[in-house]
């Protein structure tokens, strides 16, 4: 795991801390190391999630980023959202029980569509 200069890993919720080894394992599958570029002070429009400690950003690698994104989504499960931005992946702890039903349905549909595309 590489932490970019100026990024602090303090302030992350326990649920994100628990999945750091999973993130490392998925990146390791592709012989890459995750480079954490933001935690509490995110680089993207999802600032509230960062400030509350429920999101982190990882530098997007030019190779295999689509596969890494899909594998991260599968490995982390339904309570986590993985979004791709131009230069980074945004991983957010989004427990299904605390978000409005529309968000839960959208998240479940996205997971099902992803699995259907994979042929699972």
C-alpha atoms as a PDB file:
ATOM      1  CA  UNK A   1       0.000   0.000   0.000  1.00  0.00           C
ATOM      2  CA  UNK A   2       1.328   3.434  -0.962  1.00  0.00           C
ATOM      3  CA  UNK A   3      -0.008   6.572   0.669  1.00  0.00           C
ATOM      4  CA  UNK A   4       0.572   9.740  -1.318  1.00  0.00           C
ATOM      5  CA  UNK A   5       2.390  12.530   0.488  1.00  0.00           C
ATOM      6  CA  UNK A   6      -0.025  14.662   2.509  1.00  0.00           C
ATOM      7  CA  UNK A   7      -2.726  11.981   2.745  1.00  0.00           C
ATOM      8  CA  UNK A   8      -3.623  10.880   6.251  1.00  0.00           C
ATOM      9  CA  UNK A   9      -5.357   7.593   6.941  1.00  0.00           C
ATOM     10  CA  UNK A  10      -6.847   8.911  10.180  1.00  0.00           C
ATOM     11  CA  UNK A  11     -10.538   9.669  10.301  1.00  0.00           C
ATOM     12  CA  UNK A  12     -11.653   6.710   8.178  1.00  0.00           C
ATOM     13  CA  UNK A  13     -14.649   4.814   9.504  1.00  0.00           C
ATOM     14  CA  UNK A  14     -13.945   1.344  10.877  1.00  0.00           C
ATOM     15  CA  UNK A  15     -15.734  -0.296   7.959  1.00  0.00           C
ATOM     16  CA  UNK A  16     -13.292   1.238   5.479  1.00  0.00           C
ATOM     17  CA  UNK A  17     -10.301   0.334   7.636  1.00  0.00           C
ATOM     18  CA  UNK A  18     -11.473  -3.293   7.665  1.00  0.00           C
ATOM     19  CA  UNK A  19     -11.446  -3.542   3.857  1.00  0.00           C
ATOM     20  CA  UNK A  20      -7.956  -2.113   3.272  1.00  0.00           C
ATOM     21  CA  UNK A  21      -6.484  -5.662   3.088  1.00  0.00           C
ATOM     22  CA  UNK A  22      -9.169  -6.614   0.543  1.00  0.00           C
ATOM     23  CA  UNK A  23      -8.259  -3.594  -1.586  1.00  0.00           C
ATOM     24  CA  UNK A  24      -4.584  -4.569  -1.424  1.00  0.00           C
ATOM     25  CA  UNK A  25      -5.400  -8.159  -2.417  1.00  0.00           C
ATOM     26  CA  UNK A  26      -7.424  -7.087  -5.467  1.00  0.00           C
ATOM     27  CA  UNK A  27      -4.678  -4.751  -6.669  1.00  0.00           C
ATOM     28  CA  UNK A  28      -2.095  -7.454  -5.970  1.00  0.00           C
ATOM     29  CA  UNK A  29      -3.963  -9.808  -8.279  1.00  0.00           C
ATOM     30  CA  UNK A  30      -2.896  -7.482 -11.104  1.00  0.00           C
ATOM     31  CA  UNK A  31       0.636  -6.981  -9.722  1.00  0.00           C
ATOM     32  CA  UNK A  32      -0.196  -3.420  -8.676  1.00  0.00           C
ATOM     33  CA  UNK A  33      -0.120  -1.564  -5.401  1.00  0.00           C
ATOM     34  CA  UNK A  34      -2.987   0.743  -4.454  1.00  0.00           C
ATOM     35  CA  UNK A  35      -1.892   4.376  -4.203  1.00  0.00           C
ATOM     36  CA  UNK A  36      -4.165   6.208  -1.777  1.00  0.00           C
ATOM     37  CA  UNK A  37      -4.560   9.807  -2.896  1.00  0.00           C
ATOM     38  CA  UNK A  38      -7.367  11.079  -0.627  1.00  0.00           C
ATOM     39  CA  UNK A  39      -9.282  10.206   2.501  1.00  0.00           C
ATOM     40  CA  UNK A  40     -10.876  12.978   4.594  1.00  0.00           C
ATOM     41  CA  UNK A  41     -10.301  15.635   1.950  1.00  0.00           C
ATOM     42  CA  UNK A  42     -11.453  14.056  -1.295  1.00  0.00           C
ATOM     43  CA  UNK A  43     -10.664  15.232  -4.798  1.00  0.00           C
ATOM     44  CA  UNK A  44     -14.114  14.628  -6.236  1.00  0.00           C
ATOM     45  CA  UNK A  45     -17.674  16.000  -5.944  1.00  0.00           C
ATOM     46  CA  UNK A  46     -18.509  13.439  -3.231  1.00  0.00           C
ATOM     47  CA  UNK A  47     -16.970  15.636  -0.537  1.00  0.00           C
ATOM     48  CA  UNK A  48     -19.531  14.836   2.175  1.00  0.00           C
ATOM     49  CA  UNK A  49     -18.641  11.140   2.089  1.00  0.00           C
ATOM     50  CA  UNK A  50     -14.958  12.009   2.458  1.00  0.00           C
ATOM     51  CA  UNK A  51     -15.468  14.480   5.289  1.00  0.00           C
ATOM     52  CA  UNK A  52     -17.510  11.937   7.241  1.00  0.00           C
ATOM     53  CA  UNK A  53     -14.737   9.338   6.843  1.00  0.00           C
ATOM     54  CA  UNK A  54     -16.839   7.095   4.606  1.00  0.00           C
ATOM     55  CA  UNK A  55     -14.775   7.396   1.407  1.00  0.00           C
ATOM     56  CA  UNK A  56     -11.261   7.160   0.073  1.00  0.00           C
ATOM     57  CA  UNK A  57      -9.690   7.681  -3.332  1.00  0.00           C
ATOM     58  CA  UNK A  58      -7.124   5.462  -5.026  1.00  0.00           C
ATOM     59  CA  UNK A  59      -5.082   6.491  -8.050  1.00  0.00           C
ATOM     60  CA  UNK A  60      -6.489   4.903 -11.168  1.00  0.00           C
ATOM     61  CA  UNK A  61      -3.907   2.846 -13.008  1.00  0.00           C
ATOM     62  CA  UNK A  62      -3.847   3.116 -16.796  1.00  0.00           C
ATOM     63  CA  UNK A  63      -3.955  -0.660 -17.233  1.00  0.00           C
ATOM     64  CA  UNK A  64      -6.704  -3.003 -16.048  1.00  0.00           C
ATOM     65  CA  UNK A  65      -8.675  -0.264 -14.292  1.00  0.00           C
ATOM     66  CA  UNK A  66     -11.973  -1.700 -15.562  1.00  0.00           C
ATOM     67  CA  UNK A  67     -11.101  -5.164 -14.241  1.00  0.00           C
ATOM     68  CA  UNK A  68      -9.800  -3.748 -10.951  1.00  0.00           C
ATOM     69  CA  UNK A  69     -12.996  -1.728 -10.527  1.00  0.00           C
ATOM     70  CA  UNK A  70     -15.193  -4.778 -11.180  1.00  0.00           C
ATOM     71  CA  UNK A  71     -13.141  -7.015  -8.895  1.00  0.00           C
ATOM     72  CA  UNK A  72     -13.209  -4.392  -6.122  1.00  0.00           C
ATOM     73  CA  UNK A  73     -16.989  -4.103  -6.411  1.00  0.00           C
ATOM     74  CA  UNK A  74     -17.365  -7.876  -6.154  1.00  0.00           C
ATOM     75  CA  UNK A  75     -14.870  -8.268  -3.308  1.00  0.00           C
ATOM     76  CA  UNK A  76     -16.217  -5.400  -1.206  1.00  0.00           C
ATOM     77  CA  UNK A  77     -19.887  -6.310  -1.560  1.00  0.00           C
ATOM     78  CA  UNK A  78     -23.148  -4.398  -1.532  1.00  0.00           C
ATOM     79  CA  UNK A  79     -22.271  -2.042   1.332  1.00  0.00           C
ATOM     80  CA  UNK A  80     -19.508  -0.404  -0.707  1.00  0.00           C
ATOM     81  CA  UNK A  81     -19.685   1.653  -3.873  1.00  0.00           C
ATOM     82  CA  UNK A  82     -16.778   1.858  -6.309  1.00  0.00           C
ATOM     83  CA  UNK A  83     -16.896   4.748  -8.774  1.00  0.00           C
ATOM     84  CA  UNK A  84     -14.435   5.591 -11.526  1.00  0.00           C
ATOM     85  CA  UNK A  85     -13.310   9.162 -12.014  1.00  0.00           C
ATOM     86  CA  UNK A  86     -10.848  10.441 -14.605  1.00  0.00           C
ATOM     87  CA  UNK A  87      -7.778   9.977 -12.413  1.00  0.00           C
ATOM     88  CA  UNK A  88      -8.917   7.889  -9.448  1.00  0.00           C
ATOM     89  CA  UNK A  89     -11.253   5.264  -8.042  1.00  0.00           C
ATOM     90  CA  UNK A  90     -13.624   6.453  -5.328  1.00  0.00           C
ATOM     91  CA  UNK A  91     -14.493   3.787  -2.755  1.00  0.00           C
ATOM     92  CA  UNK A  92     -17.314   4.654  -0.403  1.00  0.00           C
ATOM     93  CA  UNK A  93     -18.886   2.780   2.496  1.00  0.00           C
ATOM     94  CA  UNK A  94     -22.598   2.995   1.732  1.00  0.00           C
ATOM     95  CA  UNK A  95     -24.501   0.649   4.029  1.00  0.00           C
ATOM     96  CA  UNK A  96     -27.761  -0.274   2.361  1.00  0.00           C
ATOM     97  CA  UNK A  97     -29.756   0.190   5.558  1.00  0.00           C
ATOM     98  CA  UNK A  98     -29.072   3.934   5.908  1.00  0.00           C
ATOM     99  CA  UNK A  99     -29.720   5.196   2.388  1.00  0.00           C
ATOM    100  CA  UNK A 100     -33.076   5.935   0.780  1.00  0.00           C
ATOM    101  CA  UNK A 101     -34.782   3.089  -1.028  1.00  0.00           C
ATOM    102  CA  UNK A 102     -34.083   4.638  -4.446  1.00  0.00           C
ATOM    103  CA  UNK A 103     -30.331   4.475  -3.725  1.00  0.00           C
ATOM    104  CA  UNK A 104     -30.603   0.899  -2.487  1.00  0.00           C
ATOM    105  CA  UNK A 105     -32.534  -0.182  -5.574  1.00  0.00           C
ATOM    106  CA  UNK A 106     -30.077   1.578  -7.894  1.00  0.00           C
ATOM    107  CA  UNK A 107     -27.126  -0.069  -6.132  1.00  0.00           C
ATOM    108  CA  UNK A 108     -28.732  -3.523  -6.257  1.00  0.00           C
ATOM    109  CA  UNK A 109     -29.601  -3.100  -9.939  1.00  0.00           C
ATOM    110  CA  UNK A 110     -26.004  -2.052 -10.696  1.00  0.00           C
ATOM    111  CA  UNK A 111     -24.658  -5.134  -8.935  1.00  0.00           C
ATOM    112  CA  UNK A 112     -27.110  -7.419 -10.733  1.00  0.00           C
ATOM    113  CA  UNK A 113     -26.317  -5.865 -14.116  1.00  0.00           C
ATOM    114  CA  UNK A 114     -22.592  -6.263 -13.455  1.00  0.00           C
ATOM    115  CA  UNK A 115     -23.053  -9.924 -12.553  1.00  0.00           C
ATOM    116  CA  UNK A 116     -25.222 -10.545 -15.602  1.00  0.00           C
ATOM    117  CA  UNK A 117     -22.552  -9.025 -17.846  1.00  0.00           C
ATOM    118  CA  UNK A 118     -20.001 -11.360 -16.264  1.00  0.00           C
ATOM    119  CA  UNK A 119     -22.284 -14.337 -16.862  1.00  0.00           C
ATOM    120  CA  UNK A 120     -22.733 -15.220 -13.172  1.00  0.00           C
END
